[in-house]
C-alpha atoms as a PDB file:
ATOM      1  CA  MET A   1      83.513 122.024  90.237  1.00  0.00           C
ATOM      2  CA  ASN A   2      86.935 120.387  89.489  1.00  0.00           C
ATOM      3  CA  ALA A   3      88.218 119.408  86.402  1.00  0.00           C
ATOM      4  CA  ARG A   4      86.750 116.546  84.873  1.00  0.00           C
ATOM      5  CA  LYS A   5      88.402 113.249  85.584  1.00  0.00           C
ATOM      6  CA  ARG A   6      90.216 111.184  82.794  1.00  0.00           C
ATOM      7  CA  ALA A   7      88.160 107.893  82.623  1.00  0.00           C
ATOM      8  CA  ALA A   8      89.318 104.677  80.532  1.00  0.00           C
ATOM      9  CA  MET A   9      86.774 101.826  79.746  1.00  0.00           C
ATOM     10  CA  VAL A  10      88.076  98.169  80.025  1.00  0.00           C
ATOM     11  CA  GLY A  11      86.378  95.546  78.667  1.00  0.00           C
ATOM     12  CA  LEU A  12      84.011  96.301  75.652  1.00  0.00           C
ATOM     13  CA  GLY A  13      81.177  93.796  76.153  1.00  0.00           C
ATOM     14  CA  GLY A  14      77.514  94.563  76.602  1.00  0.00           C
ATOM     15  CA  GLN A  15      78.327  95.984  80.184  1.00  0.00           C
ATOM     16  CA  ALA A  16      80.388  98.588  78.811  1.00  0.00           C
ATOM     17  CA  THR A  17      78.157  99.527  75.463  1.00  0.00           C
ATOM     18  CA  SER A  18      75.072  99.629  77.025  1.00  0.00           C
ATOM     19  CA  ASP A  19      75.682 100.905  80.085  1.00  0.00           C
ATOM     20  CA  HIS A  20      79.135 102.472  81.026  1.00  0.00           C
ATOM     21  CA  LEU A  21      80.056 104.393  77.701  1.00  0.00           C
ATOM     22  CA  PRO A  22      76.706 105.983  77.575  1.00  0.00           C
ATOM     23  CA  GLY A  23      76.526 106.701  81.495  1.00  0.00           C
ATOM     24  CA  LEU A  24      80.253 108.603  80.432  1.00  0.00           C
ATOM     25  CA  ALA A  25      78.705 110.459  78.043  1.00  0.00           C
ATOM     26  CA  GLN A  26      76.144 111.770  80.364  1.00  0.00           C
ATOM     27  CA  CYS A  27      77.865 112.673  83.497  1.00  0.00           C
ATOM     28  CA  HIS A  28      79.436 115.654  84.495  1.00  0.00           C
ATOM     29  CA  ARG A  29      82.829 114.792  86.126  1.00  0.00           C
ATOM     30  CA  ALA A  30      84.751 112.503  83.912  1.00  0.00           C
ATOM     31  CA  GLU A  31      85.563 112.292  80.230  1.00  0.00           C
ATOM     32  CA  LEU A  32      86.681 109.134  78.056  1.00  0.00           C
ATOM     33  CA  VAL A  33      90.273 108.954  77.046  1.00  0.00           C
ATOM     34  CA  GLY A  34      90.951 105.783  76.063  1.00  0.00           C
ATOM     35  CA  VAL A  35      89.294 102.146  75.896  1.00  0.00           C
ATOM     36  CA  CYS A  36      90.724  98.425  75.830  1.00  0.00           C
ATOM     37  CA  ASP A  37      89.857  95.202  74.867  1.00  0.00           C
ATOM     38  CA  ILE A  38      91.756  91.920  74.038  1.00  0.00           C
ATOM     39  CA  ASP A  39      89.353  91.967  70.976  1.00  0.00           C
ATOM     40  CA  ALA A  40      91.264  94.294  68.427  1.00  0.00           C
ATOM     41  CA  ASP A  41      88.261  94.359  66.147  1.00  0.00           C
ATOM     42  CA  ARG A  42      86.121  95.431  68.815  1.00  0.00           C
ATOM     43  CA  VAL A  43      88.851  97.853  70.259  1.00  0.00           C
ATOM     44  CA  ALA A  44      88.739  99.454  66.274  1.00  0.00           C
ATOM     45  CA  ALA A  45      85.039  99.839  66.181  1.00  0.00           C
ATOM     46  CA  VAL A  46      84.130 101.518  69.983  1.00  0.00           C
ATOM     47  CA  ALA A  47      87.491 103.757  69.501  1.00  0.00           C
ATOM     48  CA  GLY A  48      86.289 104.816  66.172  1.00  0.00           C
ATOM     49  CA  ARG A  49      82.707 105.418  67.576  1.00  0.00           C
ATOM     50  CA  HIS A  50      83.925 107.665  70.564  1.00  0.00           C
ATOM     51  CA  GLN A  51      86.880 109.233  68.864  1.00  0.00           C
ATOM     52  CA  VAL A  52      89.356 108.388  71.773  1.00  0.00           C
ATOM     53  CA  PRO A  53      92.679 105.788  71.618  1.00  0.00           C
ATOM     54  CA  GLY A  54      92.067 102.130  71.368  1.00  0.00           C
ATOM     55  CA  PHE A  55      94.264  99.552  73.268  1.00  0.00           C
ATOM     56  CA  THR A  56      94.790  95.771  73.219  1.00  0.00           C
ATOM     57  CA  THR A  57      96.781  95.766  76.785  1.00  0.00           C
ATOM     58  CA  VAL A  58      95.866  97.466  79.978  1.00  0.00           C
ATOM     59  CA  GLU A  59      99.433  98.065  80.611  1.00  0.00           C
ATOM     60  CA  ARG A  60      99.955 100.348  77.463  1.00  0.00           C
ATOM     61  CA  LEU A  61      96.168 102.036  77.906  1.00  0.00           C
ATOM     62  CA  LEU A  62      97.390 103.166  81.098  1.00  0.00           C
ATOM     63  CA  ARG A  63     100.937 104.302  80.034  1.00  0.00           C
ATOM     64  CA  GLU A  64      99.553 106.472  76.922  1.00  0.00           C
ATOM     65  CA  ALA A  65      96.319 107.279  77.833  1.00  0.00           C
ATOM     66  CA  ARG A  66      97.057 108.337  81.396  1.00  0.00           C
ATOM     67  CA  PRO A  67      93.469 107.797  83.140  1.00  0.00           C
ATOM     68  CA  ASP A  68      92.716 109.142  86.411  1.00  0.00           C
ATOM     69  CA  PHE A  69      90.680 106.165  86.786  1.00  0.00           C
ATOM     70  CA  VAL A  70      89.555 102.759  84.974  1.00  0.00           C
ATOM     71  CA  ILE A  71      86.230 101.473  84.540  1.00  0.00           C
ATOM     72  CA  ALA A  72      86.768  97.794  84.553  1.00  0.00           C
ATOM     73  CA  ALA A  73      84.069  95.496  82.831  1.00  0.00           C
ATOM     74  CA  VAL A  74      86.013  92.440  82.451  1.00  0.00           C
ATOM     75  CA  PRO A  75      85.061  88.504  82.788  1.00  0.00           C
ATOM     76  CA  HIS A  76      85.539  87.553  86.539  1.00  0.00           C
ATOM     77  CA  HIS A  77      88.702  85.752  85.898  1.00  0.00           C
ATOM     78  CA  ALA A  78      90.312  89.029  84.317  1.00  0.00           C
ATOM     79  CA  GLY A  79      89.479  91.194  87.068  1.00  0.00           C
ATOM     80  CA  ARG A  80      92.694  90.772  89.157  1.00  0.00           C
ATOM     81  CA  GLU A  81      94.830  91.476  86.563  1.00  0.00           C
ATOM     82  CA  VAL A  82      93.069  94.680  85.675  1.00  0.00           C
ATOM     83  CA  VAL A  83      93.145  95.621  89.204  1.00  0.00           C
ATOM     84  CA  ALA A  84      97.187  94.670  89.931  1.00  0.00           C
ATOM     85  CA  ALA A  85      97.961  96.751  86.705  1.00  0.00           C
ATOM     86  CA  CYS A  86      95.879  99.778  87.803  1.00  0.00           C
ATOM     87  CA  ALA A  87      97.339  99.482  91.306  1.00  0.00           C
ATOM     88  CA  GLU A  88     100.729  99.319  90.071  1.00  0.00           C
ATOM     89  CA  ALA A  89     100.050 102.429  88.058  1.00  0.00           C
ATOM     90  CA  GLY A  90      98.546 104.494  90.664  1.00  0.00           C
ATOM     91  CA  VAL A  91      95.359 104.488  88.678  1.00  0.00           C
ATOM     92  CA  HIS A  92      92.066 104.239  90.587  1.00  0.00           C
ATOM     93  CA  VAL A  93      89.316 101.604  89.701  1.00  0.00           C
ATOM     94  CA  LEU A  94      85.620 101.734  89.702  1.00  0.00           C
ATOM     95  CA  LYS A  95      84.755  97.506  89.004  1.00  0.00           C
ATOM     96  CA  GLU A  96      81.957  95.704  87.901  1.00  0.00           C
ATOM     97  CA  LYS A  97      81.217  92.961  90.494  1.00  0.00           C
ATOM     98  CA  PRO A  98      82.192  90.977  91.704  1.00  0.00           C
ATOM     99  CA  PHE A  99      85.072  92.482  93.712  1.00  0.00           C
ATOM    100  CA  ALA A 100      86.995  88.929  93.520  1.00  0.00           C
ATOM    101  CA  THR A 101      86.548  85.485  92.512  1.00  0.00           C
ATOM    102  CA  ASP A 102      87.757  83.818  96.112  1.00  0.00           C
ATOM    103  CA  PRO A 103      88.892  85.005  99.888  1.00  0.00           C
ATOM    104  CA  HIS A 104      92.313  84.824  98.907  1.00  0.00           C
ATOM    105  CA  GLN A 105      91.977  87.079  95.865  1.00  0.00           C
ATOM    106  CA  ALA A 106      89.991  89.489  97.829  1.00  0.00           C
ATOM    107  CA  THR A 107      92.214  90.060 100.490  1.00  0.00           C
ATOM    108  CA  GLU A 108      95.294  90.052  97.911  1.00  0.00           C
ATOM    109  CA  LEU A 109      93.552  92.659  95.973  1.00  0.00           C
ATOM    110  CA  ALA A 110      92.361  94.792  99.190  1.00  0.00           C
ATOM    111  CA  GLY A 111      96.050  94.823 100.196  1.00  0.00           C
ATOM    112  CA  LEU A 112      97.571  95.918  96.783  1.00  0.00           C
ATOM    113  CA  CYS A 113      94.714  98.815  96.506  1.00  0.00           C
ATOM    114  CA  GLU A 114      95.861  99.955 100.028  1.00  0.00           C
ATOM    115  CA  LYS A 115      99.531  99.822  99.336  1.00  0.00           C
ATOM    116  CA  ALA A 116      99.325 101.678  96.007  1.00  0.00           C
ATOM    117  CA  GLY A 117      96.762 104.294  97.930  1.00  0.00           C
ATOM    118  CA  ILE A 118      94.067 103.811  95.189  1.00  0.00           C
ATOM    119  CA  GLU A 119      90.437 104.010  95.527  1.00  0.00           C
ATOM    120  CA  LEU A 120      88.344 100.971  94.299  1.00  0.00           C
ATOM    121  CA  MET A 121      84.710 101.232  94.109  1.00  0.00           C
ATOM    122  CA  VAL A 122      82.496  98.259  93.154  1.00  0.00           C
ATOM    123  CA  THR A 123      79.426  98.710  91.150  1.00  0.00           C
ATOM    124  CA  VAL A 124      76.736  97.309  93.460  1.00  0.00           C
ATOM    125  CA  GLN A 125      74.055  99.657  92.012  1.00  0.00           C
ATOM    126  CA  ARG A 126      71.725  98.999  94.947  1.00  0.00           C
ATOM    127  CA  ARG A 127      73.889 100.810  97.440  1.00  0.00           C
ATOM    128  CA  PHE A 128      73.545 103.893  95.455  1.00  0.00           C
ATOM    129  CA  HIS A 129      69.864 103.806  94.982  1.00  0.00           C
ATOM    130  CA  PRO A 130      67.519 105.698  97.164  1.00  0.00           C
ATOM    131  CA  VAL A 131      64.848 102.814  97.382  1.00  0.00           C
ATOM    132  CA  TYR A 132      67.282 100.659  99.173  1.00  0.00           C
ATOM    133  CA  THR A 133      68.841 103.476 101.158  1.00  0.00           C
ATOM    134  CA  ALA A 134      65.353 104.118 102.379  1.00  0.00           C
ATOM    135  CA  GLY A 135      64.999 100.407 102.956  1.00  0.00           C
ATOM    136  CA  LEU A 136      67.646 100.321 105.559  1.00  0.00           C
ATOM    137  CA  GLN A 137      66.297 103.121 107.504  1.00  0.00           C
ATOM    138  CA  LEU A 138      63.038 101.313 107.836  1.00  0.00           C
ATOM    139  CA  LEU A 139      64.152  98.015 109.013  1.00  0.00           C
ATOM    140  CA  GLU A 140      64.585  99.209 112.573  1.00  0.00           C
ATOM    141  CA  ARG A 141      60.753  99.527 112.501  1.00  0.00           C
ATOM    142  CA  ILE A 142      60.235  95.981 112.438  1.00  0.00           C
ATOM    143  CA  GLY A 143      62.181  94.904 115.501  1.00  0.00           C
ATOM    144  CA  SER A 144      64.804  92.315 115.946  1.00  0.00           C
ATOM    145  CA  PRO A 145      64.436  90.352 112.526  1.00  0.00           C
ATOM    146  CA  TYR A 146      63.618  86.614 112.924  1.00  0.00           C
ATOM    147  CA  LEU A 147      63.095  85.738 109.285  1.00  0.00           C
ATOM    148  CA  VAL A 148      64.592  86.736 105.876  1.00  0.00           C
ATOM    149  CA  GLU A 149      63.562  85.726 102.495  1.00  0.00           C
ATOM    150  CA  ALA A 150      65.362  86.977  99.121  1.00  0.00           C
ATOM    151  CA  ARG A 151      64.772  86.100  95.677  1.00  0.00           C
ATOM    152  CA  TYR A 152      66.635  87.048  92.568  1.00  0.00           C
ATOM    153  CA  THR A 153      65.341  84.805  89.461  1.00  0.00           C
ATOM    154  CA  PHE A 154      64.909  85.381  85.573  1.00  0.00           C
ATOM    155  CA  HIS A 155      64.775  82.909  82.673  1.00  0.00           C
ATOM    156  CA  ARG A 156      68.002  83.182  80.380  1.00  0.00           C
ATOM    157  CA  PRO A 157      67.707  81.209  77.288  1.00  0.00           C
ATOM    158  CA  ASP A 158      71.145  79.550  77.487  1.00  0.00           C
ATOM    159  CA  PRO A 159      72.529  79.595  81.207  1.00  0.00           C
ATOM    160  CA  ALA A 160      75.495  77.588  79.890  1.00  0.00           C
ATOM    161  CA  ALA A 161      76.868  79.869  77.343  1.00  0.00           C
ATOM    162  CA  GLY A 162      80.296  81.670  77.175  1.00  0.00           C
ATOM    163  CA  TRP A 163      82.836  81.975  80.315  1.00  0.00           C
ATOM    164  CA  ARG A 164      79.740  82.228  82.563  1.00  0.00           C
ATOM    165  CA  GLY A 165      78.839  78.728  82.140  1.00  0.00           C
ATOM    166  CA  ARG A 166      82.662  77.624  83.481  1.00  0.00           C
ATOM    167  CA  ALA A 167      83.124  77.874  86.931  1.00  0.00           C
ATOM    168  CA  LYS A 168      86.991  78.261  86.974  1.00  0.00           C
ATOM    169  CA  LEU A 169      86.480  81.393  85.096  1.00  0.00           C
ATOM    170  CA  ALA A 170      83.227  83.113  86.697  1.00  0.00           C
ATOM    171  CA  GLY A 171      84.477  82.001  89.925  1.00  0.00           C
ATOM    172  CA  GLY A 172      81.111  80.071  89.962  1.00  0.00           C
ATOM    173  CA  GLY A 173      77.686  80.311  88.647  1.00  0.00           C
ATOM    174  CA  CYS A 174      74.703  82.406  89.259  1.00  0.00           C
ATOM    175  CA  LEU A 175      75.255  82.797  92.936  1.00  0.00           C
ATOM    176  CA  ALA A 176      78.588  84.621  92.214  1.00  0.00           C
ATOM    177  CA  ASP A 177      77.554  86.948  89.169  1.00  0.00           C
ATOM    178  CA  MET A 178      73.964  87.818  89.274  1.00  0.00           C
ATOM    179  CA  GLY A 179      73.721  86.681  92.904  1.00  0.00           C
ATOM    180  CA  TYR A 180      76.101  88.966  94.229  1.00  0.00           C
ATOM    181  CA  HIS A 181      73.910  91.723  94.072  1.00  0.00           C
ATOM    182  CA  LEU A 182      71.385  90.235  96.349  1.00  0.00           C
ATOM    183  CA  ILE A 183      74.244  88.721  98.638  1.00  0.00           C
ATOM    184  CA  ASP A 184      75.452  92.751  98.638  1.00  0.00           C
ATOM    185  CA  LEU A 185      71.921  93.728  99.904  1.00  0.00           C
ATOM    186  CA  LEU A 186      71.484  91.036 102.537  1.00  0.00           C
ATOM    187  CA  LEU A 187      75.086  91.933 104.162  1.00  0.00           C
ATOM    188  CA  TRP A 188      74.550  95.645 103.762  1.00  0.00           C
ATOM    189  CA  TYR A 189      71.081  94.892 105.676  1.00  0.00           C
ATOM    190  CA  LEU A 190      71.881  92.274 108.176  1.00  0.00           C
ATOM    191  CA  GLY A 191      75.473  91.531 108.200  1.00  0.00           C
ATOM    192  CA  LEU A 192      77.427  88.214 107.316  1.00  0.00           C
ATOM    193  CA  PRO A 193      75.219  85.028 108.512  1.00  0.00           C
ATOM    194  CA  ASP A 194      76.666  82.683 110.990  1.00  0.00           C
ATOM    195  CA  ARG A 195      76.194  79.498 109.176  1.00  0.00           C
ATOM    196  CA  VAL A 196      75.104  78.710 105.501  1.00  0.00           C
ATOM    197  CA  LEU A 197      73.595  75.522 104.190  1.00  0.00           C
ATOM    198  CA  ALA A 198      73.757  75.712 100.231  1.00  0.00           C
ATOM    199  CA  GLY A 199      72.759  73.509  97.229  1.00  0.00           C
ATOM    200  CA  THR A 200      73.350  74.365  93.669  1.00  0.00           C
ATOM    201  CA  SER A 201      72.116  72.914  90.431  1.00  0.00           C
ATOM    202  CA  ALA A 202      73.640  72.881  86.391  1.00  0.00           C
ATOM    203  CA  ALA A 203      70.438  70.962  85.053  1.00  0.00           C
ATOM    204  CA  ALA A 204      68.303  73.739  83.338  1.00  0.00           C
ATOM    205  CA  VAL A 205      70.104  72.546  79.823  1.00  0.00           C
ATOM    206  CA  PRO A 206      70.026  68.742  79.389  1.00  0.00           C
ATOM    207  CA  GLY A 207      72.979  67.485  77.617  1.00  0.00           C
ATOM    208  CA  ALA A 208      74.961  70.810  78.016  1.00  0.00           C
ATOM    209  CA  GLU A 209      78.769  70.778  79.212  1.00  0.00           C
ATOM    210  CA  TYR A 210      78.708  73.370  81.870  1.00  0.00           C
ATOM    211  CA  ASP A 211      79.664  73.397  85.616  1.00  0.00           C
ATOM    212  CA  ALA A 212      78.404  76.699  87.014  1.00  0.00           C
ATOM    213  CA  GLU A 213      75.284  76.568  88.688  1.00  0.00           C
ATOM    214  CA  ASP A 214      71.939  78.098  87.064  1.00  0.00           C
ATOM    215  CA  THR A 215      70.277  78.063  90.284  1.00  0.00           C
ATOM    216  CA  ALA A 216      71.103  77.989  93.896  1.00  0.00           C
ATOM    217  CA  LEU A 217      69.344  77.852  96.949  1.00  0.00           C
ATOM    218  CA  VAL A 218      71.447  79.141 100.293  1.00  0.00           C
ATOM    219  CA  HIS A 219      69.784  78.273 103.898  1.00  0.00           C
ATOM    220  CA  LEU A 220      70.959  81.435 106.316  1.00  0.00           C
ATOM    221  CA  ALA A 221      71.349  81.017 110.305  1.00  0.00           C
ATOM    222  CA  TYR A 222      72.506  83.931 112.681  1.00  0.00           C
ATOM    223  CA  ASP A 223      73.256  83.290 116.057  1.00  0.00           C
ATOM    224  CA  SER A 224      70.637  86.241 116.821  1.00  0.00           C
ATOM    225  CA  GLY A 225      67.804  83.875 115.959  1.00  0.00           C
ATOM    226  CA  LEU A 226      67.343  85.062 112.434  1.00  0.00           C
ATOM    227  CA  TYR A 227      66.827  82.351 109.895  1.00  0.00           C
ATOM    228  CA  GLY A 228      66.443  82.478 106.330  1.00  0.00           C
ATOM    229  CA  SER A 229      66.963  81.667 102.694  1.00  0.00           C
ATOM    230  CA  LEU A 230      68.099  82.886  99.376  1.00  0.00           C
ATOM    231  CA  LEU A 231      67.057  81.888  95.972  1.00  0.00           C
ATOM    232  CA  VAL A 232      68.632  82.522  92.627  1.00  0.00           C
ATOM    233  CA  SER A 233      68.371  81.462  89.438  1.00  0.00           C
ATOM    234  CA  ARG A 234      69.239  82.562  85.960  1.00  0.00           C
ATOM    235  CA  SER A 235      67.217  79.910  84.335  1.00  0.00           C
ATOM    236  CA  ALA A 236      63.877  79.942  86.225  1.00  0.00           C
ATOM    237  CA  GLY A 237      61.212  82.610  85.360  1.00  0.00           C
ATOM    238  CA  PRO A 238      59.514  84.738  85.870  1.00  0.00           C
ATOM    239  CA  LYS A 239      61.680  87.559  86.661  1.00  0.00           C
ATOM    240  CA  THR A 240      61.808  88.454  90.306  1.00  0.00           C
ATOM    241  CA  GLU A 241      63.500  90.140  92.691  1.00  0.00           C
ATOM    242  CA  ARG A 242      62.488  90.591  96.296  1.00  0.00           C
ATOM    243  CA  LEU A 243      64.043  90.782  99.673  1.00  0.00           C
ATOM    244  CA  ALA A 244      61.711  90.398 102.837  1.00  0.00           C
ATOM    245  CA  VAL A 245      62.700  90.675 106.466  1.00  0.00           C
ATOM    246  CA  THR A 246      60.261  90.037 109.328  1.00  0.00           C
ATOM    247  CA  GLY A 247      60.646  91.091 112.886  1.00  0.00           C
ATOM    248  CA  PRO A 248      58.127  91.133 115.719  1.00  0.00           C
ATOM    249  CA  HIS A 249      56.485  94.332 114.469  1.00  0.00           C
ATOM    250  CA  GLY A 250      56.139  93.799 110.505  1.00  0.00           C
ATOM    251  CA  THR A 251      57.686  93.140 107.762  1.00  0.00           C
ATOM    252  CA  LEU A 252      60.377  95.303 105.464  1.00  0.00           C
ATOM    253  CA  ALA A 253      59.638  94.238 101.760  1.00  0.00           C
ATOM    254  CA  VAL A 254      62.231  95.671  99.152  1.00  0.00           C
ATOM    255  CA  GLU A 255      61.700  95.057  95.294  1.00  0.00           C
ATOM    256  CA  ARG A 256      63.196  96.978  92.415  1.00  0.00           C
ATOM    257  CA  GLY A 257      61.902 100.488  92.632  1.00  0.00           C
ATOM    258  CA  THR A 258      59.663  99.990  95.334  1.00  0.00           C
ATOM    259  CA  VAL A 259      59.929  99.506  99.429  1.00  0.00           C
ATOM    260  CA  ARG A 260      57.163  98.493 101.701  1.00  0.00           C
ATOM    261  CA  LEU A 261      56.523  98.456 105.585  1.00  0.00           C
ATOM    262  CA  LEU A 262      54.070  95.870 105.935  1.00  0.00           C
ATOM    263  CA  ASP A 263      52.259  95.394 109.702  1.00  0.00           C
ATOM    264  CA  PRO A 264      52.573  91.700 111.120  1.00  0.00           C
ATOM    265  CA  GLY A 265      49.257  90.889 109.706  1.00  0.00           C
ATOM    266  CA  GLY A 266      50.706  91.964 106.054  1.00  0.00           C
ATOM    267  CA  GLN A 267      48.744  95.406 105.832  1.00  0.00           C
ATOM    268  CA  VAL A 268      50.835  98.337 103.930  1.00  0.00           C
ATOM    269  CA  VAL A 269      51.888 100.899 106.784  1.00  0.00           C
ATOM    270  CA  GLU A 270      53.948 102.734 104.521  1.00  0.00           C
ATOM    271  CA  ALA A 271      55.321 102.665 101.198  1.00  0.00           C
ATOM    272  CA  LEU A 272      58.296 104.769  99.135  1.00  0.00           C
ATOM    273  CA  ARG A 273      57.957 104.111  95.087  1.00  0.00           C
ATOM    274  CA  ARG A 274      60.835 105.559  93.041  1.00  0.00           C
ATOM    275  CA  GLU A 275      60.144 106.742  89.356  1.00  0.00           C
ATOM    276  CA  PRO A 276      61.217 105.627  87.190  1.00  0.00           C
ATOM    277  CA  ALA A 277      61.995 102.495  89.137  1.00  0.00           C
ATOM    278  CA  TRP A 278      65.206 101.154  87.681  1.00  0.00           C
ATOM    279  CA  PRO A 279      68.134 101.364  86.726  1.00  0.00           C
ATOM    280  CA  CYS A 280      70.280 103.605  88.859  1.00  0.00           C
ATOM    281  CA  PRO A 281      71.742 105.360  85.926  1.00  0.00           C
ATOM    282  CA  PRO A 282      75.553 104.489  85.376  1.00  0.00           C
ATOM    283  CA  ALA A 283      76.181 108.316  85.006  1.00  0.00           C
ATOM    284  CA  THR A 284      75.331 108.708  88.701  1.00  0.00           C
ATOM    285  CA  LEU A 285      77.713 106.021  89.716  1.00  0.00           C
ATOM    286  CA  ILE A 286      80.587 107.683  87.834  1.00  0.00           C
ATOM    287  CA  ASP A 287      80.013 110.850  89.081  1.00  0.00           C
ATOM    288  CA  ARG A 288      79.997 109.460  92.593  1.00  0.00           C
ATOM    289  CA  PHE A 289      83.127 107.827  92.139  1.00  0.00           C
ATOM    290  CA  CYS A 290      84.741 111.299  90.915  1.00  0.00           C
ATOM    291  CA  ARG A 291      83.358 112.699  94.207  1.00  0.00           C
ATOM    292  CA  VAL A 292      85.079 110.067  95.993  1.00  0.00           C
ATOM    293  CA  LEU A 293      88.359 110.713  94.258  1.00  0.00           C
ATOM    294  CA  ASP A 294      88.096 114.233  95.437  1.00  0.00           C
ATOM    295  CA  GLY A 295      87.565 113.724  98.735  1.00  0.00           C
ATOM    296  CA  THR A 296      84.078 115.170  98.890  1.00  0.00           C
ATOM    297  CA  ALA A 297      82.148 112.044  99.177  1.00  0.00           C
ATOM    298  CA  PRO A 298      82.762 108.516 101.006  1.00  0.00           C
ATOM    299  CA  ASN A 299      83.377 105.376  99.209  1.00  0.00           C
ATOM    300  CA  PRO A 300      80.538 102.776 100.515  1.00  0.00           C
ATOM    301  CA  SER A 301      81.676 100.239  98.147  1.00  0.00           C
ATOM    302  CA  GLY A 302      85.472  99.768  98.801  1.00  0.00           C
ATOM    303  CA  PRO A 303      87.524  96.666  99.195  1.00  0.00           C
ATOM    304  CA  ALA A 304      87.084  96.250 102.819  1.00  0.00           C
ATOM    305  CA  ALA A 305      83.259  96.414 102.293  1.00  0.00           C
ATOM    306  CA  HIS A 306      83.434  93.304 100.237  1.00  0.00           C
ATOM    307  CA  LEU A 307      85.664  90.872 101.810  1.00  0.00           C
ATOM    308  CA  PRO A 308      82.550  89.522 103.629  1.00  0.00           C
ATOM    309  CA  HIS A 309      81.015  88.746 100.089  1.00  0.00           C
ATOM    310  CA  ALA A 310      83.931  86.517  99.373  1.00  0.00           C
ATOM    311  CA  ALA A 311      83.594  84.936 102.985  1.00  0.00           C
ATOM    312  CA  PHE A 312      79.931  84.438 102.281  1.00  0.00           C
ATOM    313  CA  LEU A 313      80.215  82.907  98.431  1.00  0.00           C
ATOM    314  CA  ALA A 314      83.293  80.436  99.503  1.00  0.00           C
ATOM    315  CA  ALA A 315      81.235  79.206 102.524  1.00  0.00           C
ATOM    316  CA  ALA A 316      78.077  78.595 100.069  1.00  0.00           C
ATOM    317  CA  TYR A 317      80.163  76.950  97.557  1.00  0.00           C
ATOM    318  CA  ALA A 318      81.799  75.006 100.350  1.00  0.00           C
ATOM    319  CA  SER A 319      78.755  73.752 101.635  1.00  0.00           C
ATOM    320  CA  ALA A 320      77.440  72.794  98.311  1.00  0.00           C
ATOM    321  CA  ALA A 321      80.209  70.458  97.797  1.00  0.00           C
ATOM    322  CA  THR A 322      79.825  68.565 101.206  1.00  0.00           C
ATOM    323  CA  ASN A 323      76.358  69.107 101.917  1.00  0.00           C
ATOM    324  CA  ARG A 324      77.319  70.387 105.461  1.00  0.00           C
ATOM    325  CA  PRO A 325      76.480  73.981 107.296  1.00  0.00           C
ATOM    326  CA  VAL A 326      79.585  75.982 106.997  1.00  0.00           C
ATOM    327  CA  GLU A 327      80.412  79.042 108.830  1.00  0.00           C
ATOM    328  CA  PRO A 328      81.577  81.864 106.412  1.00  0.00           C
ATOM    329  CA  ARG A 329      83.992  83.335 109.165  1.00  0.00           C
ATOM    330  CA  GLU A 330      86.318  80.369 108.783  1.00  0.00           C
ATOM    331  CA  PHE A 331      87.313  81.906 105.419  1.00  0.00           C
ATOM    332  CA  PRO A 332      89.237  85.191 105.460  1.00  0.00           C
ATOM    333  CA  ALA A 333      87.060  88.517 105.348  1.00  0.00           C
END
């Protein structure tokens, strides 16, 4: 095995402290060499806990800690600055979703990464989860799909809280945030829809001032004859995550930790369950990225793979604003 990669953590919120930093402690191919956040007190606490240098600017982190790659878990509006700084320094990036906040930014960042010759991998965990990989393999068994139904919901007591309640900072609401995982699964399995018709709502907290949607419903249409819908909500329980694709020979149903192949009458033909069902360990993603950097594994979630996500989101928000169907391919992707 090659020498351990030097990793730095940028953004020290819940995602970093609950997932990425523990993951780094468990992975075999990387070691933590520095942490960074704009909150100096948070930096001091986390740096002391992990006994590494702490920084309040990305530029100083890159210059003094000299990481091989950065794990970026920052608010959506701050992602561009982090990726651009890393590209200028020739440092690779493992980035929390979304890749970008709009198609223009996605194209710009993809160009920066290519010009700098750096790898960037977006942490869409389902791409690395064996159940979802098995689902893709089983999809051909149902024949040409004609119906897709996708749902990802849970109840968050205050969906308007913090920067996630402000569309300008978050690049959107639940659709661009938690919904990004469901969109990634949809595009991975079925490709970019030809048309979308979307509606959004920010009404779960009466009287609260927020404009980033807590609920979104997107109708999907493909020229192949495939139709369906995607429902995302961070205010409506119960917690549900499911993608079902139906064709003439049956239905593929994928949920957390389980994939089932059903016959046309709804009877289970084949099923696969993973224990534990979730999550895909952060250490697995970090080790995989190190293998990408070593050239021993492909990058399944690089910039080019995420340009369609930005187009899908832009089309959905344009549709919600105009109450008209919009073609995602109208946007650069």
